[in-house]
Protein backbone atom coordinates (compact mmCIF):
# COMPACT_ATOMS: atom_id res chain seq x y z
CA MET A 1 64.02 -51.42 -33.18
CA LYS A 2 65.32 -52.28 -36.62
CA LYS A 3 63.58 -54.85 -38.80
CA SER A 4 64.42 -56.59 -42.06
CA VAL A 5 62.36 -58.30 -44.73
CA LEU A 6 63.74 -60.70 -47.34
CA VAL A 7 62.03 -61.59 -50.59
CA LEU A 8 63.87 -64.03 -52.84
CA VAL A 9 63.52 -64.25 -56.59
CA LEU A 10 63.99 -67.70 -58.17
CA PRO A 11 67.75 -68.32 -58.52
CA LEU A 12 69.26 -68.81 -61.96
CA LEU A 13 71.53 -71.85 -61.75
CA SER A 14 73.93 -72.56 -64.57
CA TYR A 15 77.10 -74.63 -64.39
CA ALA A 16 77.87 -73.99 -60.71
CA GLN A 17 77.12 -70.27 -61.02
CA MET A 18 74.08 -68.76 -59.40
CA THR A 19 72.51 -65.31 -59.17
CA ILE A 20 70.06 -64.49 -56.40
CA THR A 21 68.03 -61.28 -56.20
CA ALA A 22 66.65 -60.31 -52.81
CA ALA A 23 64.62 -57.36 -51.55
CA GLU A 24 66.13 -56.12 -48.29
CA ARG A 25 64.45 -53.71 -45.87
CA ALA A 26 65.61 -52.09 -42.65
CA SER A 27 63.41 -49.88 -40.50
CA ALA A 28 63.49 -48.05 -37.20
CA GLU A 29 61.13 -46.03 -35.04
CA ILE A 30 62.32 -42.53 -34.20
CA THR A 31 60.89 -39.80 -32.03
CA PRO A 32 59.83 -36.56 -33.82
CA ASP A 33 62.03 -33.62 -32.87
CA VAL A 34 60.31 -30.56 -34.36
CA LEU A 35 56.93 -28.85 -34.01
CA ARG A 36 55.80 -27.57 -37.39
CA GLY A 37 53.55 -24.56 -37.60
CA TYR A 38 52.45 -21.76 -39.93
CA LEU A 39 52.37 -18.03 -39.18
CA GLY A 40 50.39 -15.72 -41.45
CA PHE A 41 49.70 -11.99 -41.35
CA GLU A 42 47.27 -9.88 -43.36
CA GLU A 43 46.55 -6.15 -43.48
CA GLN A 44 44.56 -3.77 -45.63
CA ASN A 45 45.31 -0.07 -45.86
CA LYS A 46 45.05 2.66 -48.49
CA ASN A 47 48.66 3.56 -47.85
CA PRO A 48 51.00 0.71 -48.90
CA GLY A 49 53.79 2.29 -46.89
CA VAL A 50 51.89 1.63 -43.67
CA ILE A 51 51.56 -2.08 -44.51
CA LYS A 52 55.26 -2.30 -45.35
CA GLU A 53 56.20 -0.61 -42.10
CA HIS A 54 54.08 -3.02 -40.05
CA PHE A 55 55.31 -6.09 -41.93
CA ASN A 56 58.95 -5.04 -41.71
CA ALA A 57 58.55 -4.73 -37.94
CA ILE A 58 57.21 -8.29 -37.79
CA VAL A 59 60.05 -9.62 -39.95
CA ALA A 60 62.60 -7.82 -37.76
CA GLU A 61 61.07 -9.31 -34.60
CA VAL A 62 61.16 -12.84 -36.02
CA LYS A 63 64.81 -12.36 -37.04
CA LYS A 64 65.57 -11.04 -33.56
CA PHE A 65 63.99 -14.14 -32.06
CA ASP A 66 65.65 -16.45 -34.60
CA PRO A 67 68.82 -14.68 -35.90
CA ARG A 68 70.21 -17.75 -37.67
CA GLY A 69 66.97 -18.64 -39.40
CA GLU A 70 66.93 -22.09 -37.84
CA ILE A 71 63.31 -21.97 -36.69
CA CYS A 72 61.26 -19.86 -39.10
CA ARG A 73 61.64 -19.56 -42.85
CA GLY A 74 59.89 -17.15 -45.15
CA GLY A 75 59.26 -13.53 -44.32
CA GLY A 76 58.52 -12.48 -47.86
CA TYR A 77 55.36 -10.51 -48.43
CA HIS A 78 53.44 -9.03 -51.33
CA LEU A 79 50.95 -6.20 -51.76
CA SER A 80 48.09 -5.96 -54.23
CA PRO A 81 45.34 -3.39 -54.86
CA ARG A 82 41.83 -4.23 -53.66
CA TYR A 83 38.64 -3.09 -55.39
CA SER A 84 34.91 -3.35 -54.93
CA TYR A 85 32.40 -3.32 -57.76
CA LYS A 86 28.96 -1.74 -57.66
CA ASP A 87 26.73 -0.87 -60.59
CA GLN A 88 29.56 -1.87 -62.92
CA LYS A 89 31.78 0.73 -61.31
CA GLN A 90 35.14 -0.04 -59.78
CA GLU A 91 35.97 1.51 -56.43
CA PHE A 92 39.49 1.43 -55.03
CA LEU A 93 39.49 0.16 -51.43
CA GLY A 94 43.22 0.19 -50.74
CA TYR A 95 46.02 -2.33 -50.70
CA GLY A 96 46.05 -5.80 -49.20
CA GLY A 97 49.24 -7.33 -47.87
CA VAL A 98 50.10 -10.91 -46.98
CA LEU A 99 53.14 -12.09 -44.97
CA SER A 100 53.88 -15.69 -44.02
CA PHE A 101 56.39 -17.91 -42.23
CA SER A 102 56.86 -21.66 -42.02
CA CYS A 103 58.35 -22.61 -38.66
CA GLU A 104 59.86 -25.70 -37.05
CA TYR A 105 60.10 -25.34 -33.28
CA THR A 106 61.95 -27.67 -30.96
CA ALA A 107 59.63 -27.08 -27.99
CA ILE A 108 56.23 -25.58 -27.24
CA GLU A 109 57.99 -22.92 -25.15
CA GLN A 110 59.47 -21.45 -28.34
CA VAL A 111 55.99 -21.18 -29.84
CA ASN A 112 54.71 -19.27 -26.82
CA ALA A 113 57.78 -17.03 -26.59
CA LEU A 114 57.58 -16.00 -30.24
CA GLY A 115 53.83 -15.43 -29.94
CA LYS A 116 54.29 -13.08 -26.98
CA ALA A 117 57.07 -11.18 -28.76
CA LEU A 118 54.87 -10.68 -31.82
CA ASP A 119 51.92 -9.60 -29.67
CA ARG A 120 53.99 -6.72 -28.36
CA ILE A 121 54.96 -5.27 -31.76
CA THR A 122 52.14 -6.25 -34.13
CA ALA A 123 50.02 -3.25 -35.16
CA ALA A 124 46.30 -3.27 -34.38
CA GLY A 125 45.33 -3.38 -38.04
CA VAL A 126 47.29 -6.57 -38.73
CA ARG A 127 45.42 -9.88 -38.56
CA ARG A 128 47.48 -12.90 -37.51
CA ALA A 129 46.66 -16.50 -38.31
CA GLN A 130 48.51 -19.42 -36.73
CA GLY A 131 48.08 -22.91 -38.13
CA ALA A 132 47.75 -26.06 -36.07
CA LEU A 133 50.99 -27.45 -34.67
CA SER A 134 52.09 -30.98 -35.46
CA TRP A 135 55.14 -33.00 -34.45
CA GLY A 136 57.43 -34.16 -37.23
CA VAL A 137 60.91 -35.46 -37.95
CA SER A 138 63.41 -32.82 -39.05
CA ALA A 139 65.31 -33.20 -42.33
CA GLN A 140 68.60 -33.59 -40.44
CA LYS A 141 67.29 -36.38 -38.24
CA SER A 142 65.71 -38.09 -41.27
CA GLU A 143 69.01 -37.99 -43.16
CA GLU A 144 70.90 -39.37 -40.15
CA ALA A 145 68.37 -42.19 -39.79
CA GLU A 146 68.58 -42.98 -43.51
CA GLN A 147 72.38 -43.27 -43.38
CA GLU A 148 72.20 -45.62 -40.40
CA LEU A 149 69.59 -47.77 -42.12
CA ARG A 150 71.61 -47.92 -45.32
CA LEU A 151 74.56 -49.25 -43.31
CA ALA A 152 72.21 -51.77 -41.68
CA VAL A 153 71.10 -52.97 -45.12
CA LEU A 154 74.72 -53.36 -46.25
CA LYS A 155 75.56 -55.40 -43.14
CA LYS A 156 72.49 -57.58 -43.64
CA ALA A 157 73.46 -58.13 -47.27
CA GLN A 158 76.92 -59.30 -46.24
CA LEU A 159 75.48 -61.66 -43.63
CA ARG A 160 72.99 -62.95 -46.18
CA ALA A 161 75.80 -63.64 -48.63
CA GLU A 162 77.66 -65.64 -45.97
CA ARG A 163 74.54 -67.68 -45.34
CA PHE A 164 74.09 -68.35 -49.07
CA SER A 165 77.73 -69.48 -49.20
CA ARG A 166 77.16 -72.04 -46.44
CA GLU A 167 73.93 -73.31 -47.97
CA THR A 168 75.17 -73.64 -51.56
CA GLY A 169 78.82 -74.47 -51.06
CA LEU A 170 79.64 -71.63 -53.45
CA ALA A 171 81.43 -68.34 -52.87
CA CYS A 172 78.64 -65.77 -52.62
CA GLY A 173 78.75 -62.02 -52.28
CA PRO A 174 76.55 -58.97 -52.90
CA GLU A 175 77.29 -57.86 -56.45
CA LYS A 176 74.90 -54.94 -56.88
CA ILE A 177 72.72 -52.97 -54.46
CA ASN A 178 70.02 -50.62 -55.69
CA PHE A 179 68.47 -48.48 -52.95
CA SER A 180 64.87 -47.41 -53.45
CA PRO A 181 64.02 -43.71 -53.10
CA TYR A 182 63.93 -42.84 -49.42
CA SER A 183 60.41 -42.47 -48.09
CA ARG A 184 59.46 -39.81 -45.57
CA PRO A 185 58.80 -40.86 -41.97
CA VAL A 186 55.23 -41.99 -41.33
CA PRO A 187 53.33 -42.26 -38.03
CA VAL A 188 53.59 -45.69 -36.41
CA SER A 189 49.85 -45.83 -35.72
CA ALA A 190 46.71 -44.55 -37.37
CA ARG A 191 45.87 -42.82 -34.09
CA ALA A 192 49.02 -40.73 -34.34
CA MET A 193 48.07 -39.74 -37.87
CA ALA A 194 44.65 -38.61 -36.71
CA VAL A 195 46.14 -36.56 -33.90
CA GLN A 196 48.47 -34.72 -36.26
CA SER A 197 45.58 -33.48 -38.38
CA VAL A 198 43.65 -31.93 -35.47
CA PRO A 199 44.46 -28.40 -34.21
CA THR A 200 45.75 -28.53 -30.65
CA GLU A 201 47.85 -26.46 -28.30
CA SER A 202 49.65 -29.57 -27.02
CA PRO A 203 50.07 -32.01 -29.92
CA ILE A 204 50.94 -35.58 -28.99
CA GLN A 205 54.50 -36.62 -29.83
CA ALA A 206 54.14 -40.07 -31.40
CA ASP A 207 57.02 -42.12 -32.80
CA GLU A 208 57.35 -42.39 -36.56
CA GLU A 209 58.83 -45.16 -38.69
CA VAL A 210 61.59 -44.62 -41.22
CA SER A 211 62.66 -47.35 -43.60
CA VAL A 212 65.16 -48.05 -46.34
CA GLU A 213 64.62 -50.67 -49.02
CA ALA A 214 67.08 -52.09 -51.53
CA SER A 215 67.19 -54.69 -54.26
CA VAL A 216 70.35 -56.78 -53.82
CA ASP A 217 71.87 -59.01 -56.51
CA TYR A 218 74.00 -61.79 -55.03
CA SER A 219 76.47 -63.65 -57.22
CA CYS A 220 77.53 -67.17 -56.27
CA VAL A 221 80.38 -68.90 -58.10
CA LYS A 222 82.35 -72.08 -57.64
CA ARG A 223 85.04 -71.78 -55.01
CA VAL A 224 88.58 -71.57 -56.27
CA PRO A 225 90.68 -74.44 -54.79
């Protein structure tokens, strides 16, 4: 459901010419379409080649599961030496490696399928951490919603200008429209926000609100006979 809000600034009237500035807003509730989650892997070994081999196998499995890179992004890893200190002496423990992915799934089934695939190939010495899942609106869906709302604002501005024309007897039209920076979708309710912050295997899919705001300058002039 789209909504609009109008805030008028005091018109400047001078010799049958008038300028009106109005704040227009259009909003809509949309259903989240992606499950966001984090995948992290850690390993420690005195042989860095072993860590690389294990991490490369994980990266290859993720690419096999997601060949176009539409679900998981990342896959870069780094190694660093690890030491312990005792009696002011440094002792080399080995190398530590960290590998991470940021994923956007379209269904919980994808999460489970990737998890099972990784279980089969992940070496025993690799520790895996999986962050809590939360529903969100994808960038593509956000952009599509923004474009629709921008069109809605333009239509509302034209209708508003026609109303001003009838009320003032002048010829009115939107002269300048300044769109505010687009804000990210936000949960419709505080309850939805609380749910998204809690780890869960089945996160609740709650609608989110997207909105577009604009400052519109209307110019009204005397009608030409």
